[in-house]
Amino acid sequence: MDDCEGGDLTEAIVQGVFRSNDSLVKDVFLQIIDGLHFCHESNVFHGDVTPDNILCSTEGRVYLSDFSKAMDSSWPDVPVDSS
């Protein structure tokens, strides 16, 4: 996995990484959508998608993180990580 030295998406937004860079905004948005699609196809629903829970690599990749509120679609009232 890439090193996420870029911090989270909130930090990138505050630092102005996306200012006047529509192509980067589009690329990152599509990566987020692709990641969520993969999760949904795997019957996992993140439950807390916020900029704080999207990690940024220095290579321009983003990753969903913090699945603590994720739900499995087969058990809608039970978190994925519950025992």
Protein backbone atom coordinates (compact mmCIF):
# COMPACT_ATOMS: atom_id res chain seq x y z
CA MET A 1 0.00 0.00 0.00
CA ASP A 2 1.16 3.51 -0.74
CA ASP A 3 2.43 5.64 2.09
CA CYS A 4 -0.26 8.20 2.92
CA GLU A 5 2.11 11.03 3.79
CA GLY A 6 -0.36 13.41 2.13
CA GLY A 7 -2.52 13.31 5.25
CA ASP A 8 -6.27 13.25 4.92
CA LEU A 9 -8.54 14.97 2.44
CA THR A 10 -9.48 17.68 4.96
CA GLU A 11 -5.83 18.70 5.25
CA ALA A 12 -5.43 18.72 1.47
CA ILE A 13 -8.50 20.94 1.06
CA VAL A 14 -7.34 23.38 3.75
CA GLN A 15 -3.84 23.53 2.23
CA GLY A 16 -5.36 24.49 -1.14
CA VAL A 17 -4.17 21.39 -3.01
CA PHE A 18 -7.32 21.44 -5.14
CA ARG A 19 -7.50 25.18 -5.74
CA SER A 20 -7.77 25.87 -9.49
CA ASN A 21 -7.11 22.21 -10.28
CA ASP A 22 -10.37 20.82 -11.64
CA SER A 23 -8.71 17.75 -13.14
CA LEU A 24 -7.32 16.73 -9.72
CA VAL A 25 -10.73 17.26 -8.10
CA LYS A 26 -12.33 15.05 -10.76
CA ASP A 27 -9.64 12.36 -10.41
CA VAL A 28 -9.94 12.22 -6.61
CA PHE A 29 -13.74 12.21 -6.76
CA LEU A 30 -13.70 9.30 -9.20
CA GLN A 31 -11.27 7.37 -6.98
CA ILE A 32 -13.62 7.84 -4.02
CA ILE A 33 -16.61 6.70 -6.09
CA ASP A 34 -14.63 3.66 -7.34
CA GLY A 35 -13.67 2.75 -3.76
CA LEU A 36 -17.25 3.05 -2.55
CA HIS A 37 -18.47 1.02 -5.51
CA PHE A 38 -16.00 -1.75 -4.65
CA CYS A 39 -17.20 -1.73 -1.04
CA HIS A 40 -20.85 -1.83 -2.09
CA GLU A 41 -20.19 -4.66 -4.55
CA SER A 42 -18.66 -6.50 -1.58
CA ASN A 43 -21.81 -5.78 0.47
CA VAL A 44 -19.98 -3.42 2.82
CA PHE A 45 -21.26 0.09 3.46
CA HIS A 46 -18.73 2.51 4.95
CA GLY A 47 -21.11 4.48 7.16
CA ASP A 48 -18.90 7.53 7.73
CA VAL A 49 -17.53 8.94 4.48
CA THR A 50 -16.02 12.32 5.37
CA PRO A 51 -12.88 14.11 4.19
CA ASP A 52 -11.24 13.10 7.48
CA ASN A 53 -11.70 9.43 6.52
CA ILE A 54 -10.08 9.69 3.10
CA LEU A 55 -6.29 9.38 3.16
CA CYS A 56 -4.09 10.93 0.47
CA SER A 57 -0.83 9.54 -0.84
CA THR A 58 1.91 11.73 -2.24
CA GLU A 59 1.37 9.99 -5.60
CA GLY A 60 -2.16 11.36 -6.01
CA ARG A 61 -4.05 8.26 -4.84
CA VAL A 62 -6.74 8.37 -2.17
CA TYR A 63 -7.93 5.62 0.16
CA LEU A 64 -11.04 5.14 2.24
CA SER A 65 -10.19 4.66 5.91
CA ASP A 66 -11.89 4.20 9.29
CA PHE A 67 -14.40 1.45 8.68
CA SER A 68 -15.48 1.48 12.34
CA LYS A 69 -19.07 2.35 11.37
CA ALA A 70 -19.21 0.05 8.34
CA MET A 71 -22.20 -2.21 7.90
CA ASP A 72 -22.59 -5.51 6.08
CA SER A 73 -25.66 -5.40 3.85
CA SER A 74 -26.73 -8.88 4.89
CA TRP A 75 -27.02 -7.70 8.52
CA PRO A 76 -28.14 -4.05 8.31
CA ASP A 77 -28.23 -3.50 12.09
CA VAL A 78 -24.88 -5.10 12.90
CA PRO A 79 -21.52 -3.35 12.32
CA VAL A 80 -19.04 -5.32 10.19
CA ASP A 81 -16.44 -5.53 12.98
CA SER A 82 -18.79 -6.68 15.75
CA SER A 83 -18.25 -10.04 17.41
